[in-house]
All heavy atoms as atom14 arrays in JSON, in Angstrom:
{
  "sequence": "TGQRLQQSMENTDLFPNMVIQMIAVGEESGSLDEMSAKVA",
  "atom14_mask": [
    [1, 1, 1, 1, 1, 1, 1, 0, 0, 0, 0, 0, 0, 0],
    [1, 1, 1, 1, 0, 0, 0, 0, 0, 0, 0, 0, 0, 0],
    [1, 1, 1, 1, 1, 1, 1, 1, 1, 0, 0, 0, 0, 0],
    [1, 1, 1, 1, 1, 1, 1, 1, 1, 1, 1, 0, 0, 0],
    [1, 1, 1, 1, 1, 1, 1, 1, 0, 0, 0, 0, 0, 0],
    [1, 1, 1, 1, 1, 1, 1, 1, 1, 0, 0, 0, 0, 0],
    [1, 1, 1, 1, 1, 1, 1, 1, 1, 0, 0, 0, 0, 0],
    [1, 1, 1, 1, 1, 1, 0, 0, 0, 0, 0, 0, 0, 0],
    [1, 1, 1, 1, 1, 1, 1, 1, 0, 0, 0, 0, 0, 0],
    [1, 1, 1, 1, 1, 1, 1, 1, 1, 0, 0, 0, 0, 0],
    [1, 1, 1, 1, 1, 1, 1, 1, 0, 0, 0, 0, 0, 0],
    [1, 1, 1, 1, 1, 1, 1, 0, 0, 0, 0, 0, 0, 0],
    [1, 1, 1, 1, 1, 1, 1, 1, 0, 0, 0, 0, 0, 0],
    [1, 1, 1, 1, 1, 1, 1, 1, 0, 0, 0, 0, 0, 0],
    [1, 1, 1, 1, 1, 1, 1, 1, 1, 1, 1, 0, 0, 0],
    [1, 1, 1, 1, 1, 1, 1, 0, 0, 0, 0, 0, 0, 0],
    [1, 1, 1, 1, 1, 1, 1, 1, 0, 0, 0, 0, 0, 0],
    [1, 1, 1, 1, 1, 1, 1, 1, 0, 0, 0, 0, 0, 0],
    [1, 1, 1, 1, 1, 1, 1, 0, 0, 0, 0, 0, 0, 0],
    [1, 1, 1, 1, 1, 1, 1, 1, 0, 0, 0, 0, 0, 0],
    [1, 1, 1, 1, 1, 1, 1, 1, 1, 0, 0, 0, 0, 0],
    [1, 1, 1, 1, 1, 1, 1, 1, 0, 0, 0, 0, 0, 0],
    [1, 1, 1, 1, 1, 1, 1, 1, 0, 0, 0, 0, 0, 0],
    [1, 1, 1, 1, 1, 0, 0, 0, 0, 0, 0, 0, 0, 0],
    [1, 1, 1, 1, 1, 1, 1, 0, 0, 0, 0, 0, 0, 0],
    [1, 1, 1, 1, 0, 0, 0, 0, 0, 0, 0, 0, 0, 0],
    [1, 1, 1, 1, 1, 1, 1, 1, 1, 0, 0, 0, 0, 0],
    [1, 1, 1, 1, 1, 1, 1, 1, 1, 0, 0, 0, 0, 0],
    [1, 1, 1, 1, 1, 1, 0, 0, 0, 0, 0, 0, 0, 0],
    [1, 1, 1, 1, 0, 0, 0, 0, 0, 0, 0, 0, 0, 0],
    [1, 1, 1, 1, 1, 1, 0, 0, 0, 0, 0, 0, 0, 0],
    [1, 1, 1, 1, 1, 1, 1, 1, 0, 0, 0, 0, 0, 0],
    [1, 1, 1, 1, 1, 1, 1, 1, 0, 0, 0, 0, 0, 0],
    [1, 1, 1, 1, 1, 1, 1, 1, 1, 0, 0, 0, 0, 0],
    [1, 1, 1, 1, 1, 1, 1, 1, 0, 0, 0, 0, 0, 0],
    [1, 1, 1, 1, 1, 1, 0, 0, 0, 0, 0, 0, 0, 0],
    [1, 1, 1, 1, 1, 0, 0, 0, 0, 0, 0, 0, 0, 0],
    [1, 1, 1, 1, 1, 1, 1, 1, 1, 0, 0, 0, 0, 0],
    [1, 1, 1, 1, 1, 1, 1, 0, 0, 0, 0, 0, 0, 0],
    [1, 1, 1, 1, 1, 0, 0, 0, 0, 0, 0, 0, 0, 0]
  ],
  "atom14_positions": [
    [[-13.12, 2.9, -8.66], [-13.17, 3.94, -9.75], [-11.87, 3.98, -10.51], [-11.69, 4.8, -11.43], [-13.52, 5.26, -9.19], [-12.46, 5.68, -8.25], [-14.84, 5.26, -8.47], [0.0, 0.0, 0.0], [0.0, 0.0, 0.0], [0.0, 0.0, 0.0], [0.0, 0.0, 0.0], [0.0, 0.0, 0.0], [0.0, 0.0, 0.0], [0.0, 0.0, 0.0]],
    [[-10.88, 3.15, -10.12], [-9.61, 3.06, -10.89], [-8.43, 3.65, -10.1], [-7.32, 3.65, -10.68], [0.0, 0.0, 0.0], [0.0, 0.0, 0.0], [0.0, 0.0, 0.0], [0.0, 0.0, 0.0], [0.0, 0.0, 0.0], [0.0, 0.0, 0.0], [0.0, 0.0, 0.0], [0.0, 0.0, 0.0], [0.0, 0.0, 0.0], [0.0, 0.0, 0.0]],
    [[-8.57, 4.12, -8.93], [-7.49, 4.76, -8.16], [-6.65, 3.68, -7.57], [-7.1, 2.6, -7.21], [-8.03, 5.63, -7.08], [-7.01, 6.58, -6.4], [-7.59, 7.62, -5.53], [-7.65, 7.43, -4.34], [-8.13, 8.66, -6.11], [0.0, 0.0, 0.0], [0.0, 0.0, 0.0], [0.0, 0.0, 0.0], [0.0, 0.0, 0.0], [0.0, 0.0, 0.0]],
    [[-5.34, 3.89, -7.47], [-4.42, 2.96, -6.9], [-4.66, 2.78, -5.36], [-5.12, 3.78, -4.73], [-2.94, 3.36, -7.14], [-2.56, 3.36, -8.61], [-1.16, 3.73, -8.77], [-0.25, 2.81, -8.06], [1.06, 2.95, -7.96], [1.6, 4.06, -8.53], [1.77, 2.12, -7.27], [0.0, 0.0, 0.0], [0.0, 0.0, 0.0], [0.0, 0.0, 0.0]],
    [[-4.36, 1.66, -4.82], [-4.54, 1.4, -3.4], [-3.7, 2.32, -2.56], [-4.08, 2.83, -1.54], [-4.22, -0.09, -3.12], [-4.35, -0.51, -1.65], [-5.8, -0.32, -1.15], [-3.92, -1.95, -1.48], [0.0, 0.0, 0.0], [0.0, 0.0, 0.0], [0.0, 0.0, 0.0], [0.0, 0.0, 0.0], [0.0, 0.0, 0.0], [0.0, 0.0, 0.0]],
    [[-2.45, 2.57, -3.05], [-1.52, 3.45, -2.3], [-2.15, 4.85, -2.15], [-2.13, 5.39, -1.05], [-0.2, 3.55, -3.04], [0.71, 4.6, -2.47], [1.74, 5.14, -3.51], [1.7, 4.65, -4.65], [2.52, 6.08, -3.16], [0.0, 0.0, 0.0], [0.0, 0.0, 0.0], [0.0, 0.0, 0.0], [0.0, 0.0, 0.0], [0.0, 0.0, 0.0]],
    [[-2.66, 5.36, -3.22], [-3.27, 6.69, -3.18], [-4.47, 6.82, -2.29], [-4.69, 7.72, -1.5], [-3.56, 7.15, -4.61], [-4.1, 8.59, -4.71], [-3.06, 9.63, -4.27], [-1.88, 9.52, -4.6], [-3.46, 10.55, -3.37], [0.0, 0.0, 0.0], [0.0, 0.0, 0.0], [0.0, 0.0, 0.0], [0.0, 0.0, 0.0], [0.0, 0.0, 0.0]],
    [[-5.29, 5.76, -2.34], [-6.52, 5.73, -1.5], [-6.18, 5.63, -0.08], [-6.85, 6.18, 0.79], [-7.41, 4.6, -1.94], [-6.8, 3.29, -1.7], [0.0, 0.0, 0.0], [0.0, 0.0, 0.0], [0.0, 0.0, 0.0], [0.0, 0.0, 0.0], [0.0, 0.0, 0.0], [0.0, 0.0, 0.0], [0.0, 0.0, 0.0], [0.0, 0.0, 0.0]],
    [[-5.03, 4.88, 0.3], [-4.65, 4.83, 1.68], [-4.13, 6.22, 2.19], [-4.35, 6.58, 3.3], [-3.51, 3.79, 1.83], [-4.02, 2.35, 1.65], [-2.66, 1.14, 1.71], [-2.09, 1.37, 3.41], [0.0, 0.0, 0.0], [0.0, 0.0, 0.0], [0.0, 0.0, 0.0], [0.0, 0.0, 0.0], [0.0, 0.0, 0.0], [0.0, 0.0, 0.0]],
    [[-3.43, 6.94, 1.29], [-2.96, 8.27, 1.66], [-4.12, 9.19, 1.97], [-4.07, 10.01, 2.86], [-2.1, 8.85, 0.59], [-0.73, 8.16, 0.46], [0.11, 8.79, -0.71], [-0.44, 9.6, -1.44], [1.29, 8.4, -0.8], [0.0, 0.0, 0.0], [0.0, 0.0, 0.0], [0.0, 0.0, 0.0], [0.0, 0.0, 0.0], [0.0, 0.0, 0.0]],
    [[-5.21, 9.04, 1.17], [-6.36, 9.95, 1.32], [-7.06, 9.77, 2.62], [-7.75, 10.72, 3.15], [-7.34, 9.74, 0.18], [-6.75, 10.12, -1.15], [-5.78, 10.89, -1.24], [-7.33, 9.58, -2.26], [0.0, 0.0, 0.0], [0.0, 0.0, 0.0], [0.0, 0.0, 0.0], [0.0, 0.0, 0.0], [0.0, 0.0, 0.0], [0.0, 0.0, 0.0]],
    [[-6.99, 8.58, 3.25], [-7.7, 8.32, 4.5], [-6.97, 8.98, 5.68], [-7.57, 9.26, 6.7], [-7.79, 6.82, 4.77], [-6.46, 6.27, 4.94], [-8.58, 6.16, 3.66], [0.0, 0.0, 0.0], [0.0, 0.0, 0.0], [0.0, 0.0, 0.0], [0.0, 0.0, 0.0], [0.0, 0.0, 0.0], [0.0, 0.0, 0.0], [0.0, 0.0, 0.0]],
    [[-5.65, 9.23, 5.59], [-4.83, 9.82, 6.64], [-4.93, 8.95, 7.92], [-4.85, 9.42, 9.03], [-5.34, 11.22, 6.96], [-4.25, 12.01, 7.72], [-3.1, 11.72, 7.59], [-4.64, 12.92, 8.48], [0.0, 0.0, 0.0], [0.0, 0.0, 0.0], [0.0, 0.0, 0.0], [0.0, 0.0, 0.0], [0.0, 0.0, 0.0], [0.0, 0.0, 0.0]],
    [[-4.99, 7.57, 7.7], [-5.05, 6.68, 8.84], [-3.85, 5.76, 8.93], [-3.57, 5.18, 9.97], [-6.31, 5.77, 8.68], [-7.69, 6.45, 8.84], [-8.76, 5.39, 8.56], [-7.81, 6.96, 10.29], [0.0, 0.0, 0.0], [0.0, 0.0, 0.0], [0.0, 0.0, 0.0], [0.0, 0.0, 0.0], [0.0, 0.0, 0.0], [0.0, 0.0, 0.0]],
    [[-3.01, 5.67, 7.86], [-1.94, 4.7, 7.81], [-0.59, 5.44, 7.86], [-0.38, 6.46, 7.21], [-2.06, 3.88, 6.56], [-3.33, 3.06, 6.47], [-4.42, 3.55, 5.85], [-3.39, 1.84, 7.06], [-5.61, 2.82, 5.77], [-4.55, 1.05, 7.0], [-5.64, 1.56, 6.36], [0.0, 0.0, 0.0], [0.0, 0.0, 0.0], [0.0, 0.0, 0.0]],
    [[0.35, 4.85, 8.57], [1.72, 5.45, 8.62], [2.36, 5.43, 7.22], [1.99, 4.59, 6.4], [2.41, 4.46, 9.57], [1.42, 3.83, 10.36], [0.22, 3.69, 9.47], [0.0, 0.0, 0.0], [0.0, 0.0, 0.0], [0.0, 0.0, 0.0], [0.0, 0.0, 0.0], [0.0, 0.0, 0.0], [0.0, 0.0, 0.0], [0.0, 0.0, 0.0]],
    [[3.3, 6.29, 7.03], [3.98, 6.44, 5.67], [4.71, 5.12, 5.31], [4.68, 4.78, 4.17], [4.89, 7.59, 5.77], [5.53, 7.85, 4.39], [4.83, 8.19, 3.43], [6.89, 7.71, 4.22], [0.0, 0.0, 0.0], [0.0, 0.0, 0.0], [0.0, 0.0, 0.0], [0.0, 0.0, 0.0], [0.0, 0.0, 0.0], [0.0, 0.0, 0.0]],
    [[5.29, 4.49, 6.3], [6.0, 3.22, 6.01], [5.01, 2.16, 5.4], [5.41, 1.44, 4.44], [6.61, 2.69, 7.26], [7.48, 1.45, 7.02], [6.66, -0.15, 7.11], [6.44, -0.34, 8.86], [0.0, 0.0, 0.0], [0.0, 0.0, 0.0], [0.0, 0.0, 0.0], [0.0, 0.0, 0.0], [0.0, 0.0, 0.0], [0.0, 0.0, 0.0]],
    [[3.81, 2.07, 5.96], [2.82, 1.14, 5.47], [2.45, 1.46, 4.03], [2.35, 0.55, 3.14], [1.56, 1.08, 6.32], [0.53, 0.11, 5.83], [1.96, 0.68, 7.79], [0.0, 0.0, 0.0], [0.0, 0.0, 0.0], [0.0, 0.0, 0.0], [0.0, 0.0, 0.0], [0.0, 0.0, 0.0], [0.0, 0.0, 0.0], [0.0, 0.0, 0.0]],
    [[2.2, 2.68, 3.76], [1.81, 3.18, 2.43], [2.88, 2.87, 1.4], [2.6, 2.34, 0.29], [1.46, 4.62, 2.42], [0.29, 4.94, 3.35], [1.21, 5.14, 1.04], [-0.03, 6.41, 3.54], [0.0, 0.0, 0.0], [0.0, 0.0, 0.0], [0.0, 0.0, 0.0], [0.0, 0.0, 0.0], [0.0, 0.0, 0.0], [0.0, 0.0, 0.0]],
    [[4.18, 3.07, 1.78], [5.3, 2.81, 0.82], [5.44, 1.26, 0.63], [5.7, 0.92, -0.54], [6.56, 3.38, 1.48], [6.62, 4.88, 1.61], [6.32, 5.59, 0.22], [6.86, 5.16, -0.76], [5.5, 6.62, 0.27], [0.0, 0.0, 0.0], [0.0, 0.0, 0.0], [0.0, 0.0, 0.0], [0.0, 0.0, 0.0], [0.0, 0.0, 0.0]],
    [[5.22, 0.5, 1.62], [5.34, -0.94, 1.45], [4.24, -1.43, 0.52], [4.46, -2.32, -0.38], [5.24, -1.64, 2.8], [6.4, -1.41, 3.72], [7.82, -2.43, 3.38], [7.3, -3.94, 4.12], [0.0, 0.0, 0.0], [0.0, 0.0, 0.0], [0.0, 0.0, 0.0], [0.0, 0.0, 0.0], [0.0, 0.0, 0.0], [0.0, 0.0, 0.0]],
    [[3.06, -0.93, 0.68], [1.94, -1.31, -0.19], [2.22, -0.85, -1.65], [1.9, -1.54, -2.61], [0.63, -0.71, 0.32], [0.23, -1.33, 1.68], [-0.5, -0.94, -0.69], [-0.03, -2.81, 1.61], [0.0, 0.0, 0.0], [0.0, 0.0, 0.0], [0.0, 0.0, 0.0], [0.0, 0.0, 0.0], [0.0, 0.0, 0.0], [0.0, 0.0, 0.0]],
    [[2.77, 0.36, -1.75], [3.1, 0.88, -3.09], [4.14, -0.09, -3.76], [4.01, -0.37, -4.98], [3.67, 2.3, -3.0], [0.0, 0.0, 0.0], [0.0, 0.0, 0.0], [0.0, 0.0, 0.0], [0.0, 0.0, 0.0], [0.0, 0.0, 0.0], [0.0, 0.0, 0.0], [0.0, 0.0, 0.0], [0.0, 0.0, 0.0], [0.0, 0.0, 0.0]],
    [[5.12, -0.5, -3.06], [6.09, -1.44, -3.62], [5.45, -2.72, -3.99], [5.75, -3.34, -5.07], [7.24, -1.71, -2.57], [8.17, -2.79, -3.08], [8.06, -0.45, -2.32], [0.0, 0.0, 0.0], [0.0, 0.0, 0.0], [0.0, 0.0, 0.0], [0.0, 0.0, 0.0], [0.0, 0.0, 0.0], [0.0, 0.0, 0.0], [0.0, 0.0, 0.0]],
    [[4.54, -3.23, -3.18], [3.81, -4.44, -3.44], [2.97, -4.3, -4.77], [2.92, -5.22, -5.59], [0.0, 0.0, 0.0], [0.0, 0.0, 0.0], [0.0, 0.0, 0.0], [0.0, 0.0, 0.0], [0.0, 0.0, 0.0], [0.0, 0.0, 0.0], [0.0, 0.0, 0.0], [0.0, 0.0, 0.0], [0.0, 0.0, 0.0], [0.0, 0.0, 0.0]],
    [[2.33, -3.11, -4.95], [1.56, -2.9, -6.11], [2.46, -2.88, -7.4], [2.09, -3.42, -8.44], [0.79, -1.6, -6.03], [-0.47, -1.71, -5.16], [-1.32, -0.45, -5.23], [-0.78, 0.66, -4.83], [-2.43, -0.49, -5.71], [0.0, 0.0, 0.0], [0.0, 0.0, 0.0], [0.0, 0.0, 0.0], [0.0, 0.0, 0.0], [0.0, 0.0, 0.0]],
    [[3.61, -2.2, -7.3], [4.45, -2.06, -8.43], [5.08, -3.4, -8.77], [5.21, -3.68, -10.05], [5.58, -1.07, -8.12], [5.12, 0.39, -7.98], [4.64, 1.0, -9.3], [5.06, 0.43, -10.35], [3.96, 2.01, -9.35], [0.0, 0.0, 0.0], [0.0, 0.0, 0.0], [0.0, 0.0, 0.0], [0.0, 0.0, 0.0], [0.0, 0.0, 0.0]],
    [[5.43, -4.21, -7.82], [6.13, -5.49, -8.07], [5.18, -6.65, -8.28], [5.68, -7.78, -8.6], [7.11, -5.77, -6.91], [6.37, -5.93, -5.73], [0.0, 0.0, 0.0], [0.0, 0.0, 0.0], [0.0, 0.0, 0.0], [0.0, 0.0, 0.0], [0.0, 0.0, 0.0], [0.0, 0.0, 0.0], [0.0, 0.0, 0.0], [0.0, 0.0, 0.0]],
    [[3.92, -6.46, -8.05], [2.97, -7.54, -8.27], [2.99, -8.54, -7.08], [2.6, -9.69, -7.22], [0.0, 0.0, 0.0], [0.0, 0.0, 0.0], [0.0, 0.0, 0.0], [0.0, 0.0, 0.0], [0.0, 0.0, 0.0], [0.0, 0.0, 0.0], [0.0, 0.0, 0.0], [0.0, 0.0, 0.0], [0.0, 0.0, 0.0], [0.0, 0.0, 0.0]],
    [[3.46, -8.12, -5.94], [3.55, -8.99, -4.73], [2.93, -8.31, -3.56], [3.49, -8.23, -2.48], [5.04, -9.28, -4.42], [5.8, -8.1, -4.22], [0.0, 0.0, 0.0], [0.0, 0.0, 0.0], [0.0, 0.0, 0.0], [0.0, 0.0, 0.0], [0.0, 0.0, 0.0], [0.0, 0.0, 0.0], [0.0, 0.0, 0.0], [0.0, 0.0, 0.0]],
    [[1.65, -7.89, -3.78], [0.93, -7.14, -2.76], [0.71, -8.02, -1.5], [0.78, -7.59, -0.39], [-0.37, -6.64, -3.34], [-1.29, -5.83, -2.38], [-0.53, -4.57, -1.92], [-2.59, -5.44, -3.02], [0.0, 0.0, 0.0], [0.0, 0.0, 0.0], [0.0, 0.0, 0.0], [0.0, 0.0, 0.0], [0.0, 0.0, 0.0], [0.0, 0.0, 0.0]],
    [[0.42, -9.29, -1.75], [0.18, -10.22, -0.59], [1.42, -10.42, 0.22], [1.34, -10.36, 1.44], [-0.29, -11.6, -1.13], [0.63, -12.21, -2.11], [1.38, -11.41, -2.79], [0.68, -13.41, -2.26], [0.0, 0.0, 0.0], [0.0, 0.0, 0.0], [0.0, 0.0, 0.0], [0.0, 0.0, 0.0], [0.0, 0.0, 0.0], [0.0, 0.0, 0.0]],
    [[2.6, -10.48, -0.37], [3.84, -10.68, 0.36], [4.24, -9.38, 1.15], [4.61, -9.46, 2.34], [5.0, -11.03, -0.56], [4.83, -12.39, -1.19], [5.99, -12.72, -2.15], [7.0, -12.0, -2.08], [5.91, -13.72, -2.85], [0.0, 0.0, 0.0], [0.0, 0.0, 0.0], [0.0, 0.0, 0.0], [0.0, 0.0, 0.0], [0.0, 0.0, 0.0]],
    [[4.09, -8.22, 0.54], [4.38, -6.99, 1.21], [3.39, -6.72, 2.36], [3.79, -6.2, 3.43], [4.38, -5.82, 0.25], [5.41, -5.92, -0.88], [7.13, -6.3, -0.29], [7.49, -4.7, 0.46], [0.0, 0.0, 0.0], [0.0, 0.0, 0.0], [0.0, 0.0, 0.0], [0.0, 0.0, 0.0], [0.0, 0.0, 0.0], [0.0, 0.0, 0.0]],
    [[2.11, -7.04, 2.19], [1.14, -6.86, 3.19], [1.48, -7.78, 4.36], [1.34, -7.4, 5.53], [-0.26, -7.15, 2.65], [-0.64, -6.27, 1.69], [0.0, 0.0, 0.0], [0.0, 0.0, 0.0], [0.0, 0.0, 0.0], [0.0, 0.0, 0.0], [0.0, 0.0, 0.0], [0.0, 0.0, 0.0], [0.0, 0.0, 0.0], [0.0, 0.0, 0.0]],
    [[1.89, -9.0, 4.06], [2.28, -9.94, 5.16], [3.49, -9.37, 5.92], [3.55, -9.6, 7.19], [2.56, -11.31, 4.58], [0.0, 0.0, 0.0], [0.0, 0.0, 0.0], [0.0, 0.0, 0.0], [0.0, 0.0, 0.0], [0.0, 0.0, 0.0], [0.0, 0.0, 0.0], [0.0, 0.0, 0.0], [0.0, 0.0, 0.0], [0.0, 0.0, 0.0]],
    [[4.42, -8.75, 5.29], [5.6, -8.22, 6.0], [5.15, -7.1, 6.88], [5.64, -6.9, 8.02], [6.65, -7.73, 4.95], [7.34, -8.84, 4.16], [8.34, -8.31, 3.23], [9.0, -9.44, 2.39], [9.75, -10.38, 3.24], [0.0, 0.0, 0.0], [0.0, 0.0, 0.0], [0.0, 0.0, 0.0], [0.0, 0.0, 0.0], [0.0, 0.0, 0.0]],
    [[4.2, -6.24, 6.39], [3.66, -5.16, 7.19], [2.98, -5.72, 8.44], [3.16, -5.26, 9.56], [2.68, -4.26, 6.39], [1.99, -3.3, 7.3], [3.44, -3.56, 5.28], [0.0, 0.0, 0.0], [0.0, 0.0, 0.0], [0.0, 0.0, 0.0], [0.0, 0.0, 0.0], [0.0, 0.0, 0.0], [0.0, 0.0, 0.0], [0.0, 0.0, 0.0]],
    [[2.16, -6.77, 8.23], [1.47, -7.39, 9.35], [2.43, -8.02, 10.37], [2.27, -7.78, 11.56], [0.54, -8.48, 8.8], [0.0, 0.0, 0.0], [0.0, 0.0, 0.0], [0.0, 0.0, 0.0], [0.0, 0.0, 0.0], [0.0, 0.0, 0.0], [0.0, 0.0, 0.0], [0.0, 0.0, 0.0], [0.0, 0.0, 0.0], [0.0, 0.0, 0.0]]
  ]
}
C-alpha cells in the first residue's frame, strides 16, 4: 500500500531496534541487500 519497510517492521513489534535501523539505512542509501546481509 506504499508504506516503507522500516515502518512496517516497527508495526509488527517482532524485530530489534538495531535491525530496523539497519534496514532503514539500507532503504535510504539504496543498498537494502547489503545492509540485510550485514544484519544476517
